[in-house]
Amino acid sequence: MFTGDKASARLFCMERDITELKQQQIKLKTSAMLDGSTGLYNKKTSEHMIRQRLGKQSEGQKYALFMIDIDDFKAINDSYGHMEGDAVIAQTALQLKKLFSPADITGRFGGDEFIVFFDEISDRKEIEEKAEKIKEMLRSAGMNVSFSVGIAVSEGRNMTFEVLYKKADSALYATKQRGKDGYTIYTVSEV
């Protein structure tokens, strides 16, 4: 290499393989998105992803938020210990992963509460089928626990996460008030 006056110039290069560093960064980012006990999306990530999907909804598109709560979970921890409680949480997460598509948002919202968000719902019958599948699948896994499910269904634009979450939570509460081990569907009109 030469400079403008034909004198030689020196060039110094340094090369470094950053593959391992990039892999660590990806692993760190992924672990920040997931619940450490279940491998499902954590609350913050679930909420963020649902907000993004709600922002992209088209007119007439139906979507549903399922809140799934393990009935009497405190009694499981008190009677059998926290290790057994953790095993129930892990088994529930595993079964939810098996049941739903990666396109659905499945997360742990904390404690014994899980959420699943669907943005391609055709009708009430499909929602009821999904709710029954959840109960069936969890029972068939040999889990000796019951689950309450609250479901908020909406369609169209302008739905906020807060409204959808509040309605799903109200539906979950109604299920628990009726004796648990069931589901309630709350239909939300546009806001």
N, C-alpha and C. Protein backbone atom coordinates (compact mmCIF):
# COMPACT_ATOMS: atom_id res chain seq x y z
N MET A 1 0.86 -1.16 0.00
CA MET A 1 0.00 0.00 0.00
C MET A 1 0.90 1.23 0.00
N PHE A 2 0.53 2.20 -0.79
CA PHE A 2 1.35 3.41 -0.91
C PHE A 2 0.50 4.64 -0.63
N THR A 3 1.18 5.68 -0.12
CA THR A 3 0.52 6.96 0.08
C THR A 3 0.58 7.72 -1.22
N GLY A 4 0.03 8.93 -1.24
CA GLY A 4 0.01 9.74 -2.45
C GLY A 4 1.39 10.06 -3.00
N ASP A 5 2.41 10.15 -2.18
CA ASP A 5 3.75 10.48 -2.67
C ASP A 5 4.59 9.22 -2.89
N LYS A 6 3.98 8.12 -3.09
CA LYS A 6 4.59 6.83 -3.39
C LYS A 6 5.45 6.27 -2.27
N ALA A 7 5.27 6.80 -1.08
CA ALA A 7 5.96 6.22 0.08
C ALA A 7 5.10 5.08 0.61
N SER A 8 5.73 4.10 1.16
CA SER A 8 4.95 2.97 1.66
C SER A 8 4.27 3.34 2.98
N ALA A 9 3.08 2.81 3.16
CA ALA A 9 2.33 3.02 4.40
C ALA A 9 2.09 1.66 5.04
N ARG A 10 1.87 1.68 6.30
CA ARG A 10 1.62 0.42 6.99
C ARG A 10 0.13 0.32 7.35
N LEU A 11 -0.34 -0.88 7.27
CA LEU A 11 -1.72 -1.16 7.61
C LEU A 11 -1.72 -2.26 8.66
N PHE A 12 -2.44 -2.03 9.74
CA PHE A 12 -2.49 -3.01 10.81
C PHE A 12 -3.93 -3.52 10.92
N CYS A 13 -4.12 -4.81 10.89
CA CYS A 13 -5.45 -5.41 11.01
C CYS A 13 -5.45 -6.37 12.19
N MET A 14 -6.61 -6.43 12.82
CA MET A 14 -6.76 -7.38 13.91
C MET A 14 -8.08 -8.12 13.71
N GLU A 15 -8.05 -9.40 13.85
CA GLU A 15 -9.23 -10.22 13.64
C GLU A 15 -9.56 -10.94 14.94
N ARG A 16 -10.87 -11.01 15.22
CA ARG A 16 -11.29 -11.69 16.45
C ARG A 16 -12.61 -12.41 16.18
N ASP A 17 -12.69 -13.64 16.56
CA ASP A 17 -13.90 -14.42 16.39
C ASP A 17 -14.86 -14.08 17.54
N ILE A 18 -16.01 -13.52 17.20
CA ILE A 18 -16.98 -13.11 18.24
C ILE A 18 -18.20 -14.03 18.26
N THR A 19 -18.08 -15.19 17.66
CA THR A 19 -19.19 -16.14 17.61
C THR A 19 -19.70 -16.47 19.01
N GLU A 20 -18.79 -16.80 19.90
CA GLU A 20 -19.18 -17.17 21.26
C GLU A 20 -19.85 -16.00 21.98
N LEU A 21 -19.33 -14.81 21.79
CA LEU A 21 -19.91 -13.61 22.40
C LEU A 21 -21.34 -13.40 21.89
N LYS A 22 -21.54 -13.54 20.59
CA LYS A 22 -22.88 -13.36 20.00
C LYS A 22 -23.84 -14.43 20.52
N GLN A 23 -23.36 -15.66 20.65
CA GLN A 23 -24.20 -16.73 21.17
C GLN A 23 -24.61 -16.44 22.61
N GLN A 24 -23.69 -15.92 23.40
CA GLN A 24 -23.99 -15.57 24.79
C GLN A 24 -25.01 -14.43 24.85
N GLN A 25 -24.88 -13.46 23.94
CA GLN A 25 -25.83 -12.35 23.91
C GLN A 25 -27.23 -12.84 23.56
N ILE A 26 -27.32 -13.75 22.60
CA ILE A 26 -28.62 -14.30 22.21
C ILE A 26 -29.22 -15.10 23.36
N LYS A 27 -28.39 -15.89 24.03
CA LYS A 27 -28.85 -16.69 25.17
C LYS A 27 -29.35 -15.78 26.30
N LEU A 28 -28.63 -14.70 26.56
CA LEU A 28 -29.02 -13.76 27.60
C LEU A 28 -30.34 -13.08 27.26
N LYS A 29 -30.48 -12.65 26.01
CA LYS A 29 -31.71 -12.00 25.58
C LYS A 29 -32.89 -12.96 25.68
N THR A 30 -32.68 -14.20 25.25
CA THR A 30 -33.73 -15.21 25.32
C THR A 30 -34.12 -15.49 26.76
N SER A 31 -33.13 -15.64 27.63
CA SER A 31 -33.45 -15.94 29.04
C SER A 31 -34.17 -14.78 29.71
N ALA A 32 -33.95 -13.56 29.25
CA ALA A 32 -34.66 -12.41 29.81
C ALA A 32 -36.13 -12.40 29.39
N MET A 33 -36.46 -13.11 28.32
CA MET A 33 -37.84 -13.16 27.81
C MET A 33 -38.65 -14.30 28.42
N LEU A 34 -37.95 -15.28 29.00
CA LEU A 34 -38.63 -16.49 29.45
C LEU A 34 -38.70 -16.59 30.96
N ASP A 35 -39.71 -17.30 31.43
CA ASP A 35 -39.84 -17.62 32.84
C ASP A 35 -38.83 -18.72 33.14
N GLY A 36 -38.00 -18.51 34.13
CA GLY A 36 -36.93 -19.45 34.45
C GLY A 36 -37.40 -20.83 34.87
N SER A 37 -38.57 -20.94 35.46
CA SER A 37 -39.06 -22.23 35.95
C SER A 37 -39.77 -23.06 34.90
N THR A 38 -40.35 -22.39 33.90
CA THR A 38 -41.21 -23.10 32.95
C THR A 38 -40.74 -23.07 31.51
N GLY A 39 -39.94 -22.10 31.15
CA GLY A 39 -39.54 -21.95 29.76
C GLY A 39 -40.60 -21.26 28.91
N LEU A 40 -41.73 -20.90 29.52
CA LEU A 40 -42.75 -20.13 28.81
C LEU A 40 -42.34 -18.66 28.83
N TYR A 41 -43.01 -17.85 28.00
CA TYR A 41 -42.75 -16.41 28.07
C TYR A 41 -43.07 -15.91 29.47
N ASN A 42 -42.29 -14.95 29.95
CA ASN A 42 -42.59 -14.36 31.26
C ASN A 42 -43.68 -13.30 31.10
N LYS A 43 -44.10 -12.72 32.20
CA LYS A 43 -45.20 -11.75 32.19
C LYS A 43 -44.89 -10.56 31.29
N LYS A 44 -43.73 -9.99 31.45
CA LYS A 44 -43.36 -8.79 30.68
C LYS A 44 -43.36 -9.08 29.18
N THR A 45 -42.76 -10.18 28.78
CA THR A 45 -42.69 -10.54 27.36
C THR A 45 -44.07 -10.86 26.81
N SER A 46 -44.86 -11.63 27.56
CA SER A 46 -46.22 -11.98 27.12
C SER A 46 -47.04 -10.72 26.88
N GLU A 47 -47.00 -9.84 27.85
CA GLU A 47 -47.77 -8.60 27.75
C GLU A 47 -47.32 -7.78 26.54
N HIS A 48 -46.02 -7.66 26.34
CA HIS A 48 -45.48 -6.90 25.21
C HIS A 48 -45.93 -7.51 23.87
N MET A 49 -45.84 -8.82 23.76
CA MET A 49 -46.22 -9.49 22.52
C MET A 49 -47.72 -9.36 22.24
N ILE A 50 -48.53 -9.46 23.28
CA ILE A 50 -49.97 -9.32 23.11
C ILE A 50 -50.31 -7.89 22.67
N ARG A 51 -49.67 -6.91 23.28
CA ARG A 51 -49.89 -5.51 22.88
C ARG A 51 -49.55 -5.32 21.39
N GLN A 52 -48.45 -5.92 20.95
CA GLN A 52 -48.07 -5.82 19.54
C GLN A 52 -49.14 -6.43 18.64
N ARG A 53 -49.62 -7.60 19.01
CA ARG A 53 -50.65 -8.27 18.19
C ARG A 53 -51.95 -7.47 18.18
N LEU A 54 -52.33 -6.92 19.32
CA LEU A 54 -53.56 -6.12 19.37
C LEU A 54 -53.43 -4.89 18.48
N GLY A 55 -52.24 -4.34 18.40
CA GLY A 55 -52.00 -3.17 17.55
C GLY A 55 -52.11 -3.46 16.07
N LYS A 56 -52.04 -4.73 15.70
CA LYS A 56 -52.09 -5.12 14.29
C LYS A 56 -53.41 -5.76 13.90
N GLN A 57 -54.38 -5.75 14.78
CA GLN A 57 -55.66 -6.40 14.50
C GLN A 57 -56.41 -5.69 13.39
N SER A 58 -57.10 -6.47 12.58
CA SER A 58 -57.92 -5.89 11.52
C SER A 58 -59.39 -5.98 11.92
N GLU A 59 -60.21 -5.21 11.27
CA GLU A 59 -61.64 -5.17 11.56
C GLU A 59 -62.24 -6.56 11.40
N GLY A 60 -63.02 -6.97 12.39
CA GLY A 60 -63.69 -8.26 12.32
C GLY A 60 -62.86 -9.44 12.78
N GLN A 61 -61.58 -9.24 13.04
CA GLN A 61 -60.73 -10.34 13.49
C GLN A 61 -61.01 -10.62 14.97
N LYS A 62 -61.26 -11.87 15.29
CA LYS A 62 -61.56 -12.23 16.68
C LYS A 62 -60.30 -12.73 17.37
N TYR A 63 -60.20 -12.40 18.63
CA TYR A 63 -59.06 -12.88 19.41
C TYR A 63 -59.52 -13.14 20.83
N ALA A 64 -58.74 -13.97 21.52
CA ALA A 64 -59.13 -14.37 22.87
C ALA A 64 -57.91 -14.45 23.78
N LEU A 65 -58.12 -14.06 25.02
CA LEU A 65 -57.11 -14.19 26.06
C LEU A 65 -57.65 -15.17 27.10
N PHE A 66 -56.92 -16.26 27.29
CA PHE A 66 -57.26 -17.27 28.29
C PHE A 66 -56.37 -17.06 29.50
N MET A 67 -56.96 -16.99 30.68
CA MET A 67 -56.21 -16.98 31.94
C MET A 67 -56.48 -18.32 32.61
N ILE A 68 -55.42 -19.03 32.92
CA ILE A 68 -55.53 -20.37 33.50
C ILE A 68 -54.91 -20.33 34.89
N ASP A 69 -55.67 -20.78 35.87
CA ASP A 69 -55.22 -20.73 37.26
C ASP A 69 -55.37 -22.11 37.88
N ILE A 70 -54.34 -22.56 38.58
CA ILE A 70 -54.41 -23.85 39.26
C ILE A 70 -55.24 -23.67 40.53
N ASP A 71 -56.31 -24.45 40.63
CA ASP A 71 -57.19 -24.35 41.79
C ASP A 71 -56.48 -24.83 43.06
N ASP A 72 -56.66 -24.08 44.13
CA ASP A 72 -56.14 -24.44 45.46
C ASP A 72 -54.63 -24.71 45.46
N PHE A 73 -53.90 -23.92 44.72
CA PHE A 73 -52.45 -24.13 44.62
C PHE A 73 -51.75 -23.96 45.96
N LYS A 74 -52.23 -23.01 46.75
CA LYS A 74 -51.62 -22.80 48.07
C LYS A 74 -51.72 -24.07 48.92
N ALA A 75 -52.84 -24.76 48.81
CA ALA A 75 -53.01 -26.01 49.56
C ALA A 75 -52.02 -27.08 49.10
N ILE A 76 -51.70 -27.09 47.81
CA ILE A 76 -50.70 -28.04 47.29
C ILE A 76 -49.35 -27.75 47.94
N ASN A 77 -48.97 -26.47 47.93
CA ASN A 77 -47.69 -26.08 48.55
C ASN A 77 -47.69 -26.39 50.05
N ASP A 78 -48.79 -26.07 50.72
CA ASP A 78 -48.86 -26.28 52.18
C ASP A 78 -48.87 -27.76 52.54
N SER A 79 -49.56 -28.58 51.76
CA SER A 79 -49.68 -30.01 52.08
C SER A 79 -48.50 -30.85 51.63
N TYR A 80 -47.98 -30.54 50.44
CA TYR A 80 -46.96 -31.41 49.85
C TYR A 80 -45.58 -30.76 49.73
N GLY A 81 -45.52 -29.47 49.99
CA GLY A 81 -44.25 -28.76 49.91
C GLY A 81 -44.06 -28.03 48.60
N HIS A 82 -43.13 -27.09 48.62
CA HIS A 82 -42.89 -26.24 47.45
C HIS A 82 -42.30 -27.00 46.27
N MET A 83 -41.55 -28.06 46.54
CA MET A 83 -41.00 -28.84 45.42
C MET A 83 -42.12 -29.49 44.62
N GLU A 84 -43.14 -29.99 45.30
CA GLU A 84 -44.29 -30.57 44.60
C GLU A 84 -45.06 -29.48 43.86
N GLY A 85 -45.21 -28.32 44.50
CA GLY A 85 -45.86 -27.19 43.84
C GLY A 85 -45.12 -26.79 42.57
N ASP A 86 -43.79 -26.74 42.66
CA ASP A 86 -42.98 -26.40 41.48
C ASP A 86 -43.14 -27.45 40.38
N ALA A 87 -43.27 -28.71 40.78
CA ALA A 87 -43.46 -29.79 39.79
C ALA A 87 -44.81 -29.64 39.08
N VAL A 88 -45.83 -29.23 39.82
CA VAL A 88 -47.15 -29.00 39.21
C VAL A 88 -47.08 -27.84 38.22
N ILE A 89 -46.38 -26.78 38.60
CA ILE A 89 -46.19 -25.62 37.70
C ILE A 89 -45.47 -26.07 36.42
N ALA A 90 -44.38 -26.81 36.58
CA ALA A 90 -43.58 -27.26 35.43
C ALA A 90 -44.39 -28.18 34.52
N GLN A 91 -45.16 -29.09 35.10
CA GLN A 91 -45.97 -30.02 34.31
C GLN A 91 -47.08 -29.28 33.57
N THR A 92 -47.69 -28.30 34.22
CA THR A 92 -48.72 -27.49 33.57
C THR A 92 -48.13 -26.77 32.36
N ALA A 93 -46.97 -26.16 32.54
CA ALA A 93 -46.31 -25.45 31.45
C ALA A 93 -45.99 -26.39 30.29
N LEU A 94 -45.47 -27.56 30.61
CA LEU A 94 -45.13 -28.54 29.58
C LEU A 94 -46.37 -28.93 28.77
N GLN A 95 -47.46 -29.17 29.45
CA GLN A 95 -48.69 -29.56 28.76
C GLN A 95 -49.24 -28.41 27.89
N LEU A 96 -49.15 -27.19 28.38
CA LEU A 96 -49.61 -26.04 27.59
C LEU A 96 -48.74 -25.87 26.34
N LYS A 97 -47.43 -26.09 26.48
CA LYS A 97 -46.53 -26.01 25.31
C LYS A 97 -46.92 -27.04 24.26
N LYS A 98 -47.26 -28.24 24.71
CA LYS A 98 -47.64 -29.32 23.79
C LYS A 98 -48.95 -29.01 23.08
N LEU A 99 -49.86 -28.38 23.79
CA LEU A 99 -51.21 -28.17 23.28
C LEU A 99 -51.31 -27.05 22.25
N PHE A 100 -50.54 -26.00 22.44
CA PHE A 100 -50.72 -24.82 21.59
C PHE A 100 -49.57 -24.60 20.63
N SER A 101 -49.89 -23.94 19.56
CA SER A 101 -48.94 -23.65 18.49
C SER A 101 -47.94 -22.58 18.94
N PRO A 102 -46.73 -22.60 18.38
CA PRO A 102 -45.77 -21.52 18.68
C PRO A 102 -46.30 -20.14 18.24
N ALA A 103 -47.27 -20.13 17.33
CA ALA A 103 -47.86 -18.86 16.89
C ALA A 103 -48.74 -18.24 17.97
N ASP A 104 -49.23 -19.07 18.90
CA ASP A 104 -50.01 -18.56 20.02
C ASP A 104 -49.04 -18.07 21.09
N ILE A 105 -49.45 -17.10 21.86
CA ILE A 105 -48.59 -16.58 22.94
C ILE A 105 -48.98 -17.31 24.22
N THR A 106 -48.07 -18.12 24.72
CA THR A 106 -48.31 -18.87 25.95
C THR A 106 -47.29 -18.43 26.98
N GLY A 107 -47.77 -17.97 28.14
CA GLY A 107 -46.84 -17.46 29.13
C GLY A 107 -47.27 -17.75 30.56
N ARG A 108 -46.32 -17.58 31.44
CA ARG A 108 -46.61 -17.68 32.87
C ARG A 108 -46.70 -16.25 33.39
N PHE A 109 -47.83 -15.93 33.98
CA PHE A 109 -48.04 -14.57 34.45
C PHE A 109 -47.66 -14.39 35.90
N GLY A 110 -47.23 -15.46 36.53
CA GLY A 110 -46.79 -15.39 37.91
C GLY A 110 -47.48 -16.43 38.75
N GLY A 111 -46.81 -16.88 39.79
CA GLY A 111 -47.40 -17.86 40.69
C GLY A 111 -47.94 -19.06 39.94
N ASP A 112 -49.24 -19.29 40.09
CA ASP A 112 -49.89 -20.42 39.44
C ASP A 112 -50.82 -19.96 38.31
N GLU A 113 -50.50 -18.82 37.73
CA GLU A 113 -51.35 -18.24 36.68
C GLU A 113 -50.63 -18.25 35.34
N PHE A 114 -51.33 -18.77 34.33
CA PHE A 114 -50.80 -18.85 32.98
C PHE A 114 -51.76 -18.13 32.04
N ILE A 115 -51.24 -17.67 30.90
CA ILE A 115 -52.09 -17.04 29.91
C ILE A 115 -51.79 -17.63 28.53
N VAL A 116 -52.82 -17.63 27.69
CA VAL A 116 -52.65 -18.00 26.29
C VAL A 116 -53.45 -17.00 25.48
N PHE A 117 -52.81 -16.44 24.45
CA PHE A 117 -53.47 -15.46 23.59
C PHE A 117 -53.59 -16.04 22.18
N PHE A 118 -54.79 -15.99 21.64
CA PHE A 118 -55.06 -16.46 20.28
C PHE A 118 -55.55 -15.28 19.46
N ASP A 119 -54.98 -15.08 18.28
CA ASP A 119 -55.47 -13.98 17.45
C ASP A 119 -56.11 -14.47 16.15
N GLU A 120 -56.42 -15.73 16.09
CA GLU A 120 -57.09 -16.30 14.92
C GLU A 120 -58.24 -17.19 15.39
N ILE A 121 -59.23 -16.60 16.01
CA ILE A 121 -60.37 -17.34 16.54
C ILE A 121 -61.54 -17.20 15.57
N SER A 122 -62.19 -18.31 15.24
CA SER A 122 -63.29 -18.22 14.28
C SER A 122 -64.65 -17.96 14.95
N ASP A 123 -64.93 -18.69 16.04
CA ASP A 123 -66.23 -18.52 16.68
C ASP A 123 -66.19 -19.03 18.12
N ARG A 124 -67.32 -18.89 18.80
CA ARG A 124 -67.41 -19.30 20.20
C ARG A 124 -67.16 -20.80 20.37
N LYS A 125 -67.61 -21.59 19.41
CA LYS A 125 -67.42 -23.04 19.48
C LYS A 125 -65.92 -23.37 19.55
N GLU A 126 -65.12 -22.70 18.75
CA GLU A 126 -63.66 -22.93 18.77
C GLU A 126 -63.08 -22.59 20.14
N ILE A 127 -63.57 -21.51 20.73
CA ILE A 127 -63.09 -21.10 22.06
C ILE A 127 -63.44 -22.17 23.10
N GLU A 128 -64.68 -22.65 23.04
CA GLU A 128 -65.11 -23.69 23.98
C GLU A 128 -64.29 -24.97 23.79
N GLU A 129 -63.99 -25.31 22.54
CA GLU A 129 -63.17 -26.50 22.26
C GLU A 129 -61.77 -26.35 22.85
N LYS A 130 -61.20 -25.16 22.71
CA LYS A 130 -59.86 -24.91 23.27
C LYS A 130 -59.89 -25.01 24.81
N ALA A 131 -60.92 -24.46 25.41
CA ALA A 131 -61.05 -24.52 26.87
C ALA A 131 -61.19 -25.97 27.34
N GLU A 132 -61.99 -26.75 26.63
CA GLU A 132 -62.16 -28.17 26.99
C GLU A 132 -60.86 -28.94 26.78
N LYS A 133 -60.13 -28.61 25.71
CA LYS A 133 -58.84 -29.27 25.45
C LYS A 133 -57.86 -29.01 26.58
N ILE A 134 -57.86 -27.80 27.09
CA ILE A 134 -56.95 -27.46 28.20
C ILE A 134 -57.27 -28.36 29.39
N LYS A 135 -58.52 -28.41 29.76
CA LYS A 135 -58.92 -29.22 30.92
C LYS A 135 -58.63 -30.71 30.69
N GLU A 136 -58.98 -31.20 29.51
CA GLU A 136 -58.77 -32.60 29.16
C GLU A 136 -57.28 -32.97 29.19
N MET A 137 -56.49 -32.15 28.55
CA MET A 137 -55.06 -32.41 28.43
C MET A 137 -54.39 -32.41 29.79
N LEU A 138 -54.75 -31.49 30.64
CA LEU A 138 -54.13 -31.42 31.96
C LEU A 138 -54.56 -32.61 32.82
N ARG A 139 -55.79 -33.04 32.67
CA ARG A 139 -56.25 -34.23 33.41
C ARG A 139 -55.56 -35.49 32.90
N SER A 140 -55.44 -35.61 31.57
CA SER A 140 -54.86 -36.82 30.99
C SER A 140 -53.37 -36.95 31.29
N ALA A 141 -52.74 -35.86 31.70
CA ALA A 141 -51.32 -35.90 32.05
C ALA A 141 -51.12 -36.49 33.45
N GLY A 142 -52.21 -36.94 34.06
CA GLY A 142 -52.11 -37.56 35.38
C GLY A 142 -51.98 -36.56 36.51
N MET A 143 -52.31 -35.32 36.22
CA MET A 143 -52.21 -34.28 37.25
C MET A 143 -53.48 -34.33 38.09
N ASN A 144 -53.32 -34.51 39.37
CA ASN A 144 -54.45 -34.61 40.28
C ASN A 144 -54.82 -33.23 40.83
N VAL A 145 -54.99 -32.30 39.92
CA VAL A 145 -55.38 -30.93 40.29
C VAL A 145 -56.44 -30.46 39.31
N SER A 146 -57.16 -29.42 39.69
CA SER A 146 -58.14 -28.84 38.78
C SER A 146 -57.70 -27.42 38.41
N PHE A 147 -58.30 -26.94 37.34
CA PHE A 147 -57.93 -25.64 36.80
C PHE A 147 -59.17 -24.81 36.53
N SER A 148 -59.06 -23.52 36.79
CA SER A 148 -60.12 -22.58 36.44
C SER A 148 -59.60 -21.72 35.31
N VAL A 149 -60.49 -21.42 34.36
CA VAL A 149 -60.08 -20.66 33.19
C VAL A 149 -61.05 -19.49 33.01
N GLY A 150 -60.48 -18.32 32.78
CA GLY A 150 -61.25 -17.13 32.44
C GLY A 150 -60.87 -16.71 31.04
N ILE A 151 -61.84 -16.44 30.21
CA ILE A 151 -61.58 -16.15 28.80
C ILE A 151 -62.24 -14.83 28.42
N ALA A 152 -61.47 -13.95 27.82
CA ALA A 152 -62.02 -12.71 27.26
C ALA A 152 -61.90 -12.80 25.75
N VAL A 153 -63.01 -12.55 25.07
CA VAL A 153 -63.05 -12.63 23.62
C VAL A 153 -63.41 -11.25 23.09
N SER A 154 -62.73 -10.85 22.04
CA SER A 154 -63.03 -9.56 21.44
C SER A 154 -62.76 -9.63 19.95
N GLU A 155 -63.25 -8.64 19.24
CA GLU A 155 -62.96 -8.55 17.82
C GLU A 155 -62.84 -7.09 17.43
N GLY A 156 -62.19 -6.88 16.32
CA GLY A 156 -62.04 -5.53 15.82
C GLY A 156 -60.83 -4.82 16.37
N ARG A 157 -60.82 -3.55 16.14
CA ARG A 157 -59.67 -2.73 16.53
C ARG A 157 -59.91 -2.02 17.85
N ASN A 158 -58.89 -1.32 18.28
CA ASN A 158 -58.93 -0.45 19.46
C ASN A 158 -59.07 -1.17 20.79
N MET A 159 -58.83 -2.45 20.84
CA MET A 159 -58.86 -3.16 22.11
C MET A 159 -57.50 -3.00 22.77
N THR A 160 -57.52 -2.69 24.06
CA THR A 160 -56.26 -2.56 24.79
C THR A 160 -56.00 -3.82 25.59
N PHE A 161 -54.75 -4.04 25.90
CA PHE A 161 -54.38 -5.19 26.72
C PHE A 161 -55.05 -5.09 28.08
N GLU A 162 -55.07 -3.89 28.65
CA GLU A 162 -55.64 -3.70 29.99
C GLU A 162 -57.10 -4.14 30.05
N VAL A 163 -57.88 -3.76 29.05
CA VAL A 163 -59.30 -4.12 29.03
C VAL A 163 -59.46 -5.63 28.86
N LEU A 164 -58.72 -6.19 27.92
CA LEU A 164 -58.81 -7.63 27.67
C LEU A 164 -58.40 -8.43 28.91
N TYR A 165 -57.31 -8.01 29.55
CA TYR A 165 -56.82 -8.69 30.75
C TYR A 165 -57.84 -8.59 31.89
N LYS A 166 -58.39 -7.40 32.07
CA LYS A 166 -59.36 -7.19 33.15
C LYS A 166 -60.59 -8.08 32.95
N LYS A 167 -61.04 -8.21 31.71
CA LYS A 167 -62.22 -9.04 31.43
C LYS A 167 -61.91 -10.52 31.61
N ALA A 168 -60.72 -10.95 31.20
CA ALA A 168 -60.33 -12.35 31.41
C ALA A 168 -60.22 -12.64 32.90
N ASP A 169 -59.70 -11.69 33.65
CA ASP A 169 -59.57 -11.84 35.10
C ASP A 169 -60.96 -11.92 35.76
N SER A 170 -61.89 -11.10 35.28
CA SER A 170 -63.27 -11.15 35.80
C SER A 170 -63.91 -12.50 35.49
N ALA A 171 -63.66 -13.02 34.30
CA ALA A 171 -64.20 -14.33 33.92
C ALA A 171 -63.58 -15.43 34.78
N LEU A 172 -62.30 -15.32 35.07
CA LEU A 172 -61.62 -16.29 35.94
C LEU A 172 -62.24 -16.27 37.34
N TYR A 173 -62.47 -15.06 37.85
CA TYR A 173 -63.08 -14.90 39.17
C TYR A 173 -64.47 -15.54 39.20
N ALA A 174 -65.23 -15.34 38.12
CA ALA A 174 -66.58 -15.92 38.04
C ALA A 174 -66.51 -17.45 38.06
N THR A 175 -65.51 -18.01 37.38
CA THR A 175 -65.33 -19.46 37.38
C THR A 175 -65.05 -19.96 38.79
N LYS A 176 -64.19 -19.28 39.50
CA LYS A 176 -63.84 -19.67 40.87
C LYS A 176 -65.06 -19.55 41.80
N GLN A 177 -65.86 -18.51 41.59
CA GLN A 177 -67.06 -18.30 42.42
C GLN A 177 -68.09 -19.41 42.20
N ARG A 178 -68.12 -19.98 41.00
CA ARG A 178 -69.07 -21.04 40.68
C ARG A 178 -68.59 -22.42 41.12
N GLY A 179 -67.44 -22.50 41.75
CA GLY A 179 -66.98 -23.79 42.25
C GLY A 179 -65.70 -24.29 41.62
N LYS A 180 -65.06 -23.50 40.81
CA LYS A 180 -63.76 -23.83 40.21
C LYS A 180 -63.90 -24.94 39.16
N ASP A 181 -62.76 -25.40 38.66
CA ASP A 181 -62.68 -26.50 37.70
C ASP A 181 -63.63 -26.32 36.52
N GLY A 182 -63.55 -25.16 35.89
CA GLY A 182 -64.39 -24.88 34.73
C GLY A 182 -63.86 -23.66 34.00
N TYR A 183 -64.70 -23.11 33.16
CA TYR A 183 -64.30 -21.89 32.45
C TYR A 183 -65.50 -20.98 32.26
N THR A 184 -65.20 -19.70 32.11
CA THR A 184 -66.20 -18.68 31.85
C THR A 184 -65.69 -17.84 30.69
N ILE A 185 -66.59 -17.53 29.76
CA ILE A 185 -66.24 -16.71 28.61
C ILE A 185 -66.89 -15.34 28.76
N TYR A 186 -66.09 -14.31 28.64
CA TYR A 186 -66.57 -12.93 28.72
C TYR A 186 -66.37 -12.31 27.35
N THR A 187 -67.44 -11.89 26.70
CA THR A 187 -67.33 -11.26 25.40
C THR A 187 -67.22 -9.76 25.58
N VAL A 188 -66.18 -9.19 25.01
CA VAL A 188 -65.89 -7.77 25.17
C VAL A 188 -66.28 -7.04 23.89
N SER A 189 -67.05 -5.97 24.02
CA SER A 189 -67.34 -5.16 22.84
C SER A 189 -66.21 -4.16 22.66
N GLU A 190 -66.14 -3.59 21.47
CA GLU A 190 -65.06 -2.64 21.20
C GLU A 190 -65.10 -1.47 22.15
N VAL A 191 -63.91 -0.94 22.45
CA VAL A 191 -63.82 0.23 23.32
C VAL A 191 -63.63 1.46 22.47
